[in-house]
Amino acid sequence: MCVLSVVMPVYNGEKYLAEAIDSILGQSFMDFEFIVVNDGSTDATASLLADYTDPRLKVVHNDGNKGVSYSLNRGLDLAKGKYIARMDADDIALPHRLQVQYDFMESHPDVGICGSDIEVFGGGIAGRKREYFPVSDLEIRARVFTQLPFAHPTVMICKDILDRFHLRYPSFKVEDYALWVELLKHTKGWNIPQVLLYYRICKLSATAQFNVIPEVFYKDILTIQSTQFAEYAFFVDAEAGFIYACFTNSPSPLCPLRADEQVILGETIVALLKAVSEHDKSLSLALRTALSKLCFYRFFKLHKIPSNRVLRKLYIKGFWNYYKQSLTHKYS
């Protein structure tokens, strides 16, 4: 029995598939099985997969195109490893990725999910651009209230936690976000503050699809965030929830917000921080910091200081955080 299962779904991924597979098969850590779920591809994906003879590579084929969540869950069900590492069919894992994460998980048994920073490339980006993710469990729990706390294809998860609490990917456009919210109810999270994966932006990537049809993603994000709010006895109406979801996850057409929308967002943030503080003061402080960084980033990109008092205070705090940490931290 292997100690690690790498799970990768692929749909019509012939263009970058070999690069992704080779980056896993060439890892310095070698005790793993590599489960590739071909989700009904109609291009040359199946024939490319058939060319590989490495016994660690295990290919399964869906009966037609079932979607990402279905494919991921099929991979999770088949996995025999103690840990499950995710991988996408258009990304590149650095050669030491699995070893670094495995060593970390083995030495931190209280951590059930571990990710890392990434370098983004493609999609018109010149060179590679590093994206930083919150490191500690507290920072990750604060980030869940606003954005994704992990880069999905970097995560390594303890399979026992997934099985013991019957956790699998739901049928959302942001299926990973929903799983992280549930997973963090049962274990701690961590991000290793180093780049372990090159994340490619292409037209089939989730990031690219988000930019094309953001409304579909916002609907799922609102559902997930509302579920997270409810854990702290905080509830928002549809308008306030939608404004918050759009603001936290993209510089959408709602940004710059109208004056009345800024008021709604400011009131929502104040009420959210108060509700969280009643349950966990440390988390509330971490969330305030996360929101200040986000507020500064959103409005700074628009070259506009928010008119609402609450948002303006967050913006100023975010500015000073950025100024103090500009050499080591990037807001995303």
C-alpha atoms as a PDB file:
ATOM      1  CA  MET A   1       0.000   0.000   0.000  1.00  0.00           C
ATOM      2  CA  CYS A   2       1.367   3.416  -1.015  1.00  0.00           C
ATOM      3  CA  VAL A   3       1.451   6.302   1.426  1.00  0.00           C
ATOM      4  CA  LEU A   4       0.244   8.900  -1.065  1.00  0.00           C
ATOM      5  CA  SER A   5      -2.375   9.115  -3.809  1.00  0.00           C
ATOM      6  CA  VAL A   6      -2.229  11.885  -6.396  1.00  0.00           C
ATOM      7  CA  VAL A   7      -5.648  12.585  -7.930  1.00  0.00           C
ATOM      8  CA  MET A   8      -5.983  14.457 -11.221  1.00  0.00           C
ATOM      9  CA  PRO A   9      -9.107  14.860 -13.370  1.00  0.00           C
ATOM     10  CA  VAL A  10      -8.698  15.724 -17.042  1.00  0.00           C
ATOM     11  CA  TYR A  11     -11.108  16.748 -19.776  1.00  0.00           C
ATOM     12  CA  ASN A  12      -9.759  17.453 -23.268  1.00  0.00           C
ATOM     13  CA  GLY A  13      -6.397  18.300 -21.790  1.00  0.00           C
ATOM     14  CA  GLU A  14      -4.105  16.989 -24.547  1.00  0.00           C
ATOM     15  CA  LYS A  15      -2.232  20.289 -24.949  1.00  0.00           C
ATOM     16  CA  TYR A  16      -0.605  20.360 -21.505  1.00  0.00           C
ATOM     17  CA  LEU A  17      -1.320  16.872 -20.172  1.00  0.00           C
ATOM     18  CA  ALA A  18       2.130  15.344 -20.714  1.00  0.00           C
ATOM     19  CA  GLU A  19       3.814  18.263 -18.942  1.00  0.00           C
ATOM     20  CA  ALA A  20       1.540  17.856 -15.919  1.00  0.00           C
ATOM     21  CA  ILE A  21       1.946  14.055 -15.739  1.00  0.00           C
ATOM     22  CA  ASP A  22       5.711  14.189 -16.178  1.00  0.00           C
ATOM     23  CA  SER A  23       6.014  16.729 -13.364  1.00  0.00           C
ATOM     24  CA  ILE A  24       4.388  14.213 -10.993  1.00  0.00           C
ATOM     25  CA  LEU A  25       6.157  11.094 -12.238  1.00  0.00           C
ATOM     26  CA  GLY A  26       9.447  12.973 -11.920  1.00  0.00           C
ATOM     27  CA  GLN A  27       8.981  13.812  -8.224  1.00  0.00           C
ATOM     28  CA  SER A  28      11.822  13.202  -5.778  1.00  0.00           C
ATOM     29  CA  PHE A  29       9.254  11.443  -3.555  1.00  0.00           C
ATOM     30  CA  MET A  30       8.357   8.183  -5.290  1.00  0.00           C
ATOM     31  CA  ASP A  31       6.006   6.159  -3.055  1.00  0.00           C
ATOM     32  CA  PHE A  32       2.694   7.150  -4.599  1.00  0.00           C
ATOM     33  CA  GLU A  33      -0.082   6.105  -6.924  1.00  0.00           C
ATOM     34  CA  PHE A  34      -1.183   8.576  -9.588  1.00  0.00           C
ATOM     35  CA  ILE A  35      -4.917   8.337 -10.300  1.00  0.00           C
ATOM     36  CA  VAL A  36      -5.941  10.141 -13.489  1.00  0.00           C
ATOM     37  CA  VAL A  37      -9.674  10.355 -14.160  1.00  0.00           C
ATOM     38  CA  ASN A  38     -10.401  10.938 -17.845  1.00  0.00           C
ATOM     39  CA  ASP A  39     -13.739  12.739 -17.830  1.00  0.00           C
ATOM     40  CA  GLY A  40     -15.032  11.680 -21.236  1.00  0.00           C
ATOM     41  CA  SER A  41     -12.401  13.555 -23.262  1.00  0.00           C
ATOM     42  CA  THR A  42     -13.015  13.761 -27.006  1.00  0.00           C
ATOM     43  CA  ASP A  43      -9.494  14.836 -27.992  1.00  0.00           C
ATOM     44  CA  ALA A  44      -6.270  12.800 -27.843  1.00  0.00           C
ATOM     45  CA  THR A  45      -6.232  12.618 -24.029  1.00  0.00           C
ATOM     46  CA  ALA A  46      -7.030   8.893 -23.871  1.00  0.00           C
ATOM     47  CA  SER A  47      -4.303   7.932 -26.348  1.00  0.00           C
ATOM     48  CA  LEU A  48      -1.749  10.112 -24.560  1.00  0.00           C
ATOM     49  CA  LEU A  49      -2.562   8.401 -21.281  1.00  0.00           C
ATOM     50  CA  ALA A  50      -2.281   4.979 -22.922  1.00  0.00           C
ATOM     51  CA  ASP A  51       1.312   5.740 -23.926  1.00  0.00           C
ATOM     52  CA  TYR A  52       2.501   5.810 -20.308  1.00  0.00           C
ATOM     53  CA  THR A  53       3.864   2.579 -18.843  1.00  0.00           C
ATOM     54  CA  ASP A  54       4.793   3.755 -15.333  1.00  0.00           C
ATOM     55  CA  PRO A  55       3.031   1.317 -12.942  1.00  0.00           C
ATOM     56  CA  ARG A  56       2.243   4.160 -10.533  1.00  0.00           C
ATOM     57  CA  LEU A  57      -0.089   5.709 -13.120  1.00  0.00           C
ATOM     58  CA  LYS A  58      -3.658   4.389 -12.834  1.00  0.00           C
ATOM     59  CA  VAL A  59      -6.081   5.671 -15.448  1.00  0.00           C
ATOM     60  CA  VAL A  60      -9.860   5.433 -15.145  1.00  0.00           C
ATOM     61  CA  HIS A  61     -12.336   6.605 -17.763  1.00  0.00           C
ATOM     62  CA  ASN A  62     -15.736   8.122 -17.058  1.00  0.00           C
ATOM     63  CA  ASP A  63     -18.676   7.057 -19.178  1.00  0.00           C
ATOM     64  CA  GLY A  64     -19.078  10.471 -20.762  1.00  0.00           C
ATOM     65  CA  ASN A  65     -18.376  13.928 -19.380  1.00  0.00           C
ATOM     66  CA  LYS A  66     -19.514  13.891 -15.733  1.00  0.00           C
ATOM     67  CA  GLY A  67     -17.901  17.091 -14.471  1.00  0.00           C
ATOM     68  CA  VAL A  68     -15.066  18.018 -12.134  1.00  0.00           C
ATOM     69  CA  SER A  69     -16.763  17.162  -8.824  1.00  0.00           C
ATOM     70  CA  TYR A  70     -17.810  13.707 -10.020  1.00  0.00           C
ATOM     71  CA  SER A  71     -14.323  12.990 -11.353  1.00  0.00           C
ATOM     72  CA  LEU A  72     -12.595  14.207  -8.204  1.00  0.00           C
ATOM     73  CA  ASN A  73     -14.875  12.141  -5.985  1.00  0.00           C
ATOM     74  CA  ARG A  74     -14.261   9.065  -8.095  1.00  0.00           C
ATOM     75  CA  GLY A  75     -10.555   9.590  -7.604  1.00  0.00           C
ATOM     76  CA  LEU A  76     -10.997  10.037  -3.840  1.00  0.00           C
ATOM     77  CA  ASP A  77     -13.000   6.823  -3.613  1.00  0.00           C
ATOM     78  CA  LEU A  78     -10.313   4.874  -5.482  1.00  0.00           C
ATOM     79  CA  ALA A  79      -7.389   6.361  -3.554  1.00  0.00           C
ATOM     80  CA  LYS A  80      -5.515   3.992  -1.227  1.00  0.00           C
ATOM     81  CA  GLY A  81      -2.952   6.406   0.189  1.00  0.00           C
ATOM     82  CA  LYS A  82      -2.763   7.876   3.677  1.00  0.00           C
ATOM     83  CA  TYR A  83      -2.691  11.303   2.041  1.00  0.00           C
ATOM     84  CA  ILE A  84      -4.294  12.615  -1.131  1.00  0.00           C
ATOM     85  CA  ALA A  85      -2.487  15.215  -3.223  1.00  0.00           C
ATOM     86  CA  ARG A  86      -4.390  17.170  -5.834  1.00  0.00           C
ATOM     87  CA  MET A  87      -3.075  18.011  -9.263  1.00  0.00           C
ATOM     88  CA  ASP A  88      -4.560  19.661 -12.350  1.00  0.00           C
ATOM     89  CA  ALA A  89      -3.920  18.593 -15.925  1.00  0.00           C
ATOM     90  CA  ASP A  90      -2.527  21.953 -17.054  1.00  0.00           C
ATOM     91  CA  ASP A  91      -0.220  22.758 -14.134  1.00  0.00           C
ATOM     92  CA  ILE A  92       3.380  21.865 -13.293  1.00  0.00           C
ATOM     93  CA  ALA A  93       4.438  20.491  -9.906  1.00  0.00           C
ATOM     94  CA  LEU A  94       7.958  21.366  -8.797  1.00  0.00           C
ATOM     95  CA  PRO A  95      10.145  18.247  -8.365  1.00  0.00           C
ATOM     96  CA  HIS A  96      10.237  18.447  -4.555  1.00  0.00           C
ATOM     97  CA  ARG A  97       6.558  19.277  -4.056  1.00  0.00           C
ATOM     98  CA  LEU A  98       5.323  15.916  -2.748  1.00  0.00           C
ATOM     99  CA  GLN A  99       8.337  15.378  -0.497  1.00  0.00           C
ATOM    100  CA  VAL A 100       7.975  18.804   1.161  1.00  0.00           C
ATOM    101  CA  GLN A 101       4.268  18.348   1.813  1.00  0.00           C
ATOM    102  CA  TYR A 102       4.565  14.742   2.939  1.00  0.00           C
ATOM    103  CA  ASP A 103       7.305  15.638   5.424  1.00  0.00           C
ATOM    104  CA  PHE A 104       5.195  18.497   6.763  1.00  0.00           C
ATOM    105  CA  MET A 105       2.067  16.375   7.178  1.00  0.00           C
ATOM    106  CA  GLU A 106       3.993  13.607   8.916  1.00  0.00           C
ATOM    107  CA  SER A 107       5.496  16.055  11.399  1.00  0.00           C
ATOM    108  CA  HIS A 108       2.180  17.907  12.004  1.00  0.00           C
ATOM    109  CA  PRO A 109      -0.498  15.269  12.671  1.00  0.00           C
ATOM    110  CA  ASP A 110      -2.981  17.950  13.772  1.00  0.00           C
ATOM    111  CA  VAL A 111      -2.977  19.416  10.237  1.00  0.00           C
ATOM    112  CA  GLY A 112      -5.383  17.659   7.893  1.00  0.00           C
ATOM    113  CA  ILE A 113      -4.941  19.848   4.828  1.00  0.00           C
ATOM    114  CA  CYS A 114      -1.805  21.516   3.564  1.00  0.00           C
ATOM    115  CA  GLY A 115      -1.282  23.758   0.533  1.00  0.00           C
ATOM    116  CA  SER A 116       1.411  26.115  -0.711  1.00  0.00           C
ATOM    117  CA  ASP A 117       2.068  29.281  -2.657  1.00  0.00           C
ATOM    118  CA  ILE A 118       1.993  29.179  -6.446  1.00  0.00           C
ATOM    119  CA  GLU A 119       3.466  30.977  -9.407  1.00  0.00           C
ATOM    120  CA  VAL A 120       0.873  31.865 -12.031  1.00  0.00           C
ATOM    121  CA  PHE A 121       1.751  31.935 -15.720  1.00  0.00           C
ATOM    122  CA  GLY A 122       0.004  32.045 -19.085  1.00  0.00           C
ATOM    123  CA  GLY A 123      -3.163  33.975 -19.872  1.00  0.00           C
ATOM    124  CA  GLY A 124      -1.249  37.036 -20.997  1.00  0.00           C
ATOM    125  CA  ILE A 125       0.942  37.173 -17.870  1.00  0.00           C
ATOM    126  CA  ALA A 126       4.555  38.042 -18.635  1.00  0.00           C
ATOM    127  CA  GLY A 127       6.774  35.482 -16.926  1.00  0.00           C
ATOM    128  CA  ARG A 128       5.505  33.988 -13.670  1.00  0.00           C
ATOM    129  CA  LYS A 129       3.733  35.883 -10.907  1.00  0.00           C
ATOM    130  CA  ARG A 130       3.841  34.600  -7.331  1.00  0.00           C
ATOM    131  CA  GLU A 131       0.612  34.367  -5.366  1.00  0.00           C
ATOM    132  CA  TYR A 132       0.823  34.111  -1.605  1.00  0.00           C
ATOM    133  CA  PHE A 133      -1.666  32.277   0.591  1.00  0.00           C
ATOM    134  CA  PRO A 134      -2.329  32.590   4.341  1.00  0.00           C
ATOM    135  CA  VAL A 135       0.066  30.393   6.284  1.00  0.00           C
ATOM    136  CA  SER A 136      -1.328  29.588   9.740  1.00  0.00           C
ATOM    137  CA  ASP A 137      -4.555  27.847  10.662  1.00  0.00           C
ATOM    138  CA  LEU A 138      -5.988  31.073  12.135  1.00  0.00           C
ATOM    139  CA  GLU A 139      -5.182  33.071   8.995  1.00  0.00           C
ATOM    140  CA  ILE A 140      -6.720  30.339   6.847  1.00  0.00           C
ATOM    141  CA  ARG A 141      -9.922  30.308   8.909  1.00  0.00           C
ATOM    142  CA  ALA A 142     -10.179  34.075   8.496  1.00  0.00           C
ATOM    143  CA  ARG A 143      -9.564  33.813   4.750  1.00  0.00           C
ATOM    144  CA  VAL A 144     -12.455  31.343   4.384  1.00  0.00           C
ATOM    145  CA  PHE A 145     -14.857  34.221   5.129  1.00  0.00           C
ATOM    146  CA  THR A 146     -13.623  36.110   2.092  1.00  0.00           C
ATOM    147  CA  GLN A 147     -11.825  33.980  -0.498  1.00  0.00           C
ATOM    148  CA  LEU A 148     -10.306  30.607  -1.217  1.00  0.00           C
ATOM    149  CA  PRO A 149      -7.721  29.818   1.476  1.00  0.00           C
ATOM    150  CA  PHE A 150      -5.821  27.277  -0.641  1.00  0.00           C
ATOM    151  CA  ALA A 151      -4.665  26.955  -4.222  1.00  0.00           C
ATOM    152  CA  HIS A 152      -6.652  23.835  -5.080  1.00  0.00           C
ATOM    153  CA  PRO A 153      -4.036  21.909  -7.128  1.00  0.00           C
ATOM    154  CA  THR A 154      -1.458  22.367  -4.340  1.00  0.00           C
ATOM    155  CA  VAL A 155      -3.360  20.722  -1.499  1.00  0.00           C
ATOM    156  CA  MET A 156      -2.506  17.510   0.304  1.00  0.00           C
ATOM    157  CA  ILE A 157      -5.298  16.100   2.481  1.00  0.00           C
ATOM    158  CA  CYS A 158      -5.445  13.379   5.114  1.00  0.00           C
ATOM    159  CA  LYS A 159      -7.753  10.765   3.572  1.00  0.00           C
ATOM    160  CA  ASP A 160      -8.906   9.446   6.947  1.00  0.00           C
ATOM    161  CA  ILE A 161     -10.568  12.779   7.722  1.00  0.00           C
ATOM    162  CA  LEU A 162     -12.388  12.784   4.385  1.00  0.00           C
ATOM    163  CA  ASP A 163     -13.659   9.246   4.925  1.00  0.00           C
ATOM    164  CA  ARG A 164     -14.413   9.513   8.634  1.00  0.00           C
ATOM    165  CA  PHE A 165     -16.623  12.583   8.186  1.00  0.00           C
ATOM    166  CA  HIS A 166     -18.006  11.518   4.785  1.00  0.00           C
ATOM    167  CA  LEU A 167     -16.603  14.566   3.012  1.00  0.00           C
ATOM    168  CA  ARG A 168     -16.541  14.799  -0.760  1.00  0.00           C
ATOM    169  CA  TYR A 169     -16.704  17.559  -3.375  1.00  0.00           C
ATOM    170  CA  PRO A 170     -20.208  18.995  -3.869  1.00  0.00           C
ATOM    171  CA  SER A 171     -21.599  19.939  -7.274  1.00  0.00           C
ATOM    172  CA  PHE A 172     -20.555  23.592  -7.187  1.00  0.00           C
ATOM    173  CA  LYS A 173     -18.576  25.661  -9.671  1.00  0.00           C
ATOM    174  CA  VAL A 174     -16.303  26.406  -6.708  1.00  0.00           C
ATOM    175  CA  GLU A 175     -16.335  22.830  -5.439  1.00  0.00           C
ATOM    176  CA  ASP A 176     -13.051  23.249  -3.581  1.00  0.00           C
ATOM    177  CA  TYR A 177     -14.251  26.276  -1.590  1.00  0.00           C
ATOM    178  CA  ALA A 178     -17.245  24.311  -0.308  1.00  0.00           C
ATOM    179  CA  LEU A 179     -15.055  21.353   0.692  1.00  0.00           C
ATOM    180  CA  TRP A 180     -12.570  23.554   2.579  1.00  0.00           C
ATOM    181  CA  VAL A 181     -15.373  25.066   4.669  1.00  0.00           C
ATOM    182  CA  GLU A 182     -16.524  21.600   5.734  1.00  0.00           C
ATOM    183  CA  LEU A 183     -13.043  20.145   6.131  1.00  0.00           C
ATOM    184  CA  LEU A 184     -11.861  22.936   8.439  1.00  0.00           C
ATOM    185  CA  LYS A 185     -14.641  22.074  10.874  1.00  0.00           C
ATOM    186  CA  HIS A 186     -12.761  18.860  11.664  1.00  0.00           C
ATOM    187  CA  THR A 187      -9.055  19.638  11.283  1.00  0.00           C
ATOM    188  CA  LYS A 188      -6.429  22.351  11.019  1.00  0.00           C
ATOM    189  CA  GLY A 189      -5.132  23.832   7.784  1.00  0.00           C
ATOM    190  CA  TRP A 190      -1.728  25.175   6.781  1.00  0.00           C
ATOM    191  CA  ASN A 191       0.003  26.625   3.731  1.00  0.00           C
ATOM    192  CA  ILE A 192       3.731  26.097   3.270  1.00  0.00           C
ATOM    193  CA  PRO A 193       5.120  29.561   2.400  1.00  0.00           C
ATOM    194  CA  GLN A 194       7.034  28.494  -0.679  1.00  0.00           C
ATOM    195  CA  VAL A 195       6.145  27.911  -4.311  1.00  0.00           C
ATOM    196  CA  LEU A 196       5.517  24.221  -4.987  1.00  0.00           C
ATOM    197  CA  LEU A 197       3.467  24.503  -8.182  1.00  0.00           C
ATOM    198  CA  TYR A 198       3.303  26.550 -11.374  1.00  0.00           C
ATOM    199  CA  TYR A 199      -0.367  27.360 -12.038  1.00  0.00           C
ATOM    200  CA  ARG A 200      -1.274  27.819 -15.684  1.00  0.00           C
ATOM    201  CA  ILE A 201      -4.022  30.229 -16.768  1.00  0.00           C
ATOM    202  CA  CYS A 202      -5.682  28.851 -19.892  1.00  0.00           C
ATOM    203  CA  LYS A 203      -9.208  28.988 -21.248  1.00  0.00           C
ATOM    204  CA  LEU A 204     -10.199  25.719 -19.543  1.00  0.00           C
ATOM    205  CA  SER A 205      -8.855  26.721 -16.119  1.00  0.00           C
ATOM    206  CA  ALA A 206     -11.262  27.648 -13.319  1.00  0.00           C
ATOM    207  CA  THR A 207      -9.721  31.120 -13.111  1.00  0.00           C
ATOM    208  CA  ALA A 208     -10.365  31.794 -16.789  1.00  0.00           C
ATOM    209  CA  GLN A 209     -13.941  30.495 -16.588  1.00  0.00           C
ATOM    210  CA  PHE A 210     -14.585  32.692 -13.545  1.00  0.00           C
ATOM    211  CA  ASN A 211     -13.616  35.765 -15.576  1.00  0.00           C
ATOM    212  CA  VAL A 212     -15.981  34.777 -18.392  1.00  0.00           C
ATOM    213  CA  ILE A 213     -19.082  33.809 -16.369  1.00  0.00           C
ATOM    214  CA  PRO A 214     -18.577  35.338 -12.904  1.00  0.00           C
ATOM    215  CA  GLU A 215     -22.306  35.423 -12.064  1.00  0.00           C
ATOM    216  CA  VAL A 216     -22.481  31.617 -11.948  1.00  0.00           C
ATOM    217  CA  PHE A 217     -19.542  31.500  -9.565  1.00  0.00           C
ATOM    218  CA  TYR A 218     -20.906  34.323  -7.383  1.00  0.00           C
ATOM    219  CA  LYS A 219     -24.113  32.375  -6.829  1.00  0.00           C
ATOM    220  CA  ASP A 220     -22.193  29.407  -5.459  1.00  0.00           C
ATOM    221  CA  ILE A 221     -19.851  31.645  -3.462  1.00  0.00           C
ATOM    222  CA  LEU A 222     -22.837  33.357  -1.837  1.00  0.00           C
ATOM    223  CA  THR A 223     -24.288  29.966  -0.852  1.00  0.00           C
ATOM    224  CA  ILE A 224     -20.971  28.836   0.631  1.00  0.00           C
ATOM    225  CA  GLN A 225     -20.302  32.088   2.474  1.00  0.00           C
ATOM    226  CA  SER A 226     -23.836  32.143   3.864  1.00  0.00           C
ATOM    227  CA  THR A 227     -23.272  28.642   5.246  1.00  0.00           C
ATOM    228  CA  GLN A 228     -20.030  29.816   6.855  1.00  0.00           C
ATOM    229  CA  PHE A 229     -21.779  32.889   8.338  1.00  0.00           C
ATOM    230  CA  ALA A 230     -24.513  30.704   9.819  1.00  0.00           C
ATOM    231  CA  GLU A 231     -21.898  28.858  11.892  1.00  0.00           C
ATOM    232  CA  TYR A 232     -21.507  32.118  13.814  1.00  0.00           C
ATOM    233  CA  ALA A 233     -25.226  32.918  13.968  1.00  0.00           C
ATOM    234  CA  PHE A 234     -24.834  35.615  11.316  1.00  0.00           C
ATOM    235  CA  PHE A 235     -27.351  35.894   8.503  1.00  0.00           C
ATOM    236  CA  VAL A 236     -27.543  38.288   5.551  1.00  0.00           C
ATOM    237  CA  ASP A 237     -30.265  39.064   3.048  1.00  0.00           C
ATOM    238  CA  ALA A 238     -29.788  38.329  -0.644  1.00  0.00           C
ATOM    239  CA  GLU A 239     -28.701  41.860  -1.604  1.00  0.00           C
ATOM    240  CA  ALA A 240     -26.108  42.267   1.140  1.00  0.00           C
ATOM    241  CA  GLY A 241     -24.821  38.732   0.599  1.00  0.00           C
ATOM    242  CA  PHE A 242     -24.420  39.252  -3.131  1.00  0.00           C
ATOM    243  CA  ILE A 243     -22.552  42.541  -2.683  1.00  0.00           C
ATOM    244  CA  TYR A 244     -20.242  40.909  -0.130  1.00  0.00           C
ATOM    245  CA  ALA A 245     -19.623  37.843  -2.340  1.00  0.00           C
ATOM    246  CA  CYS A 246     -18.810  39.986  -5.372  1.00  0.00           C
ATOM    247  CA  PHE A 247     -16.602  42.362  -3.423  1.00  0.00           C
ATOM    248  CA  THR A 248     -14.567  39.655  -1.712  1.00  0.00           C
ATOM    249  CA  ASN A 249     -13.995  37.514  -4.776  1.00  0.00           C
ATOM    250  CA  SER A 250     -13.495  39.795  -7.744  1.00  0.00           C
ATOM    251  CA  PRO A 251     -13.149  43.438  -8.758  1.00  0.00           C
ATOM    252  CA  SER A 252     -16.578  42.984 -10.320  1.00  0.00           C
ATOM    253  CA  PRO A 253     -18.815  45.544 -12.029  1.00  0.00           C
ATOM    254  CA  LEU A 254     -19.988  46.392  -8.489  1.00  0.00           C
ATOM    255  CA  CYS A 255     -16.557  47.925  -7.897  1.00  0.00           C
ATOM    256  CA  PRO A 256     -16.401  50.832  -7.574  1.00  0.00           C
ATOM    257  CA  LEU A 257     -19.498  50.444  -5.441  1.00  0.00           C
ATOM    258  CA  ARG A 258     -22.176  53.094  -5.438  1.00  0.00           C
ATOM    259  CA  ALA A 259     -22.485  55.041  -2.204  1.00  0.00           C
ATOM    260  CA  ASP A 260     -25.543  53.036  -1.108  1.00  0.00           C
ATOM    261  CA  GLU A 261     -23.779  49.748  -1.901  1.00  0.00           C
ATOM    262  CA  GLN A 262     -20.765  50.841   0.130  1.00  0.00           C
ATOM    263  CA  VAL A 263     -23.068  51.485   3.077  1.00  0.00           C
ATOM    264  CA  ILE A 264     -24.593  48.000   2.769  1.00  0.00           C
ATOM    265  CA  LEU A 265     -21.153  46.408   2.518  1.00  0.00           C
ATOM    266  CA  GLY A 266     -19.829  48.398   5.473  1.00  0.00           C
ATOM    267  CA  GLU A 267     -22.804  47.463   7.645  1.00  0.00           C
ATOM    268  CA  THR A 268     -22.448  43.811   6.637  1.00  0.00           C
ATOM    269  CA  ILE A 269     -18.768  43.758   7.584  1.00  0.00           C
ATOM    270  CA  VAL A 270     -19.371  45.425  10.955  1.00  0.00           C
ATOM    271  CA  ALA A 271     -22.155  42.961  11.804  1.00  0.00           C
ATOM    272  CA  LEU A 272     -20.059  39.990  10.636  1.00  0.00           C
ATOM    273  CA  LEU A 273     -17.050  40.998  12.738  1.00  0.00           C
ATOM    274  CA  LYS A 274     -19.282  41.447  15.788  1.00  0.00           C
ATOM    275  CA  ALA A 275     -20.911  38.027  15.307  1.00  0.00           C
ATOM    276  CA  VAL A 276     -17.565  36.278  14.897  1.00  0.00           C
ATOM    277  CA  SER A 277     -16.098  38.146  17.896  1.00  0.00           C
ATOM    278  CA  GLU A 278     -18.834  36.787  20.145  1.00  0.00           C
ATOM    279  CA  HIS A 279     -17.606  33.271  19.345  1.00  0.00           C
ATOM    280  CA  ASP A 280     -13.871  33.772  18.790  1.00  0.00           C
ATOM    281  CA  LYS A 281     -12.108  37.111  19.361  1.00  0.00           C
ATOM    282  CA  SER A 282      -8.828  35.957  17.840  1.00  0.00           C
ATOM    283  CA  LEU A 283     -10.595  34.880  14.654  1.00  0.00           C
ATOM    284  CA  SER A 284     -12.457  38.191  14.507  1.00  0.00           C
ATOM    285  CA  LEU A 285      -9.167  40.111  14.689  1.00  0.00           C
ATOM    286  CA  ALA A 286      -7.657  37.921  11.970  1.00  0.00           C
ATOM    287  CA  LEU A 287     -10.751  38.441   9.822  1.00  0.00           C
ATOM    288  CA  ARG A 288     -10.519  42.223  10.294  1.00  0.00           C
ATOM    289  CA  THR A 289      -6.926  42.081   9.070  1.00  0.00           C
ATOM    290  CA  ALA A 290      -7.911  39.948   6.069  1.00  0.00           C
ATOM    291  CA  LEU A 291     -10.733  42.354   5.177  1.00  0.00           C
ATOM    292  CA  SER A 292      -8.467  45.396   5.505  1.00  0.00           C
ATOM    293  CA  LYS A 293      -5.961  43.867   3.084  1.00  0.00           C
ATOM    294  CA  LEU A 294      -8.728  42.976   0.668  1.00  0.00           C
ATOM    295  CA  CYS A 295     -10.373  46.408   0.920  1.00  0.00           C
ATOM    296  CA  PHE A 296      -7.092  48.157   0.204  1.00  0.00           C
ATOM    297  CA  TYR A 297      -6.372  45.879  -2.751  1.00  0.00           C
ATOM    298  CA  ARG A 298      -9.831  46.319  -4.299  1.00  0.00           C
ATOM    299  CA  PHE A 299      -9.971  50.114  -4.081  1.00  0.00           C
ATOM    300  CA  PHE A 300      -6.278  50.687  -4.745  1.00  0.00           C
ATOM    301  CA  LYS A 301      -6.657  48.963  -8.119  1.00  0.00           C
ATOM    302  CA  LEU A 302      -9.408  51.469  -8.896  1.00  0.00           C
ATOM    303  CA  HIS A 303      -7.316  54.424  -7.698  1.00  0.00           C
ATOM    304  CA  LYS A 304     -10.206  55.384  -5.477  1.00  0.00           C
ATOM    305  CA  ILE A 305     -10.521  55.664  -1.702  1.00  0.00           C
ATOM    306  CA  PRO A 306     -13.921  54.370  -0.457  1.00  0.00           C
ATOM    307  CA  SER A 307     -16.394  57.012   0.683  1.00  0.00           C
ATOM    308  CA  ASN A 308     -17.968  54.822   3.375  1.00  0.00           C
ATOM    309  CA  ARG A 309     -16.423  55.365   6.828  1.00  0.00           C
ATOM    310  CA  VAL A 310     -16.119  51.656   7.666  1.00  0.00           C
ATOM    311  CA  LEU A 311     -14.538  50.764   4.336  1.00  0.00           C
ATOM    312  CA  ARG A 312     -12.263  53.797   4.495  1.00  0.00           C
ATOM    313  CA  LYS A 313     -10.914  52.719   7.897  1.00  0.00           C
ATOM    314  CA  LEU A 314     -10.285  49.215   6.541  1.00  0.00           C
ATOM    315  CA  TYR A 315      -8.606  50.706   3.481  1.00  0.00           C
ATOM    316  CA  ILE A 316      -6.225  52.821   5.602  1.00  0.00           C
ATOM    317  CA  LYS A 317      -5.354  49.845   7.815  1.00  0.00           C
ATOM    318  CA  GLY A 318      -4.770  47.758   4.708  1.00  0.00           C
ATOM    319  CA  PHE A 319      -2.513  50.459   3.283  1.00  0.00           C
ATOM    320  CA  TRP A 320      -0.291  50.421   6.371  1.00  0.00           C
ATOM    321  CA  ASN A 321      -0.179  46.629   6.378  1.00  0.00           C
ATOM    322  CA  TYR A 322       0.853  46.720   2.746  1.00  0.00           C
ATOM    323  CA  TYR A 323       3.477  49.378   3.414  1.00  0.00           C
ATOM    324  CA  LYS A 324       5.018  47.389   6.283  1.00  0.00           C
ATOM    325  CA  GLN A 325       4.961  44.054   4.477  1.00  0.00           C
ATOM    326  CA  SER A 326       5.443  45.126   0.861  1.00  0.00           C
ATOM    327  CA  LEU A 327       8.721  43.267   0.512  1.00  0.00           C
ATOM    328  CA  THR A 328       7.346  39.907   1.636  1.00  0.00           C
ATOM    329  CA  HIS A 329       3.587  39.904   1.095  1.00  0.00           C
ATOM    330  CA  LYS A 330       1.303  40.181  -1.901  1.00  0.00           C
ATOM    331  CA  TYR A 331      -2.414  40.865  -1.750  1.00  0.00           C
ATOM    332  CA  SER A 332      -4.563  38.629  -3.916  1.00  0.00           C
END
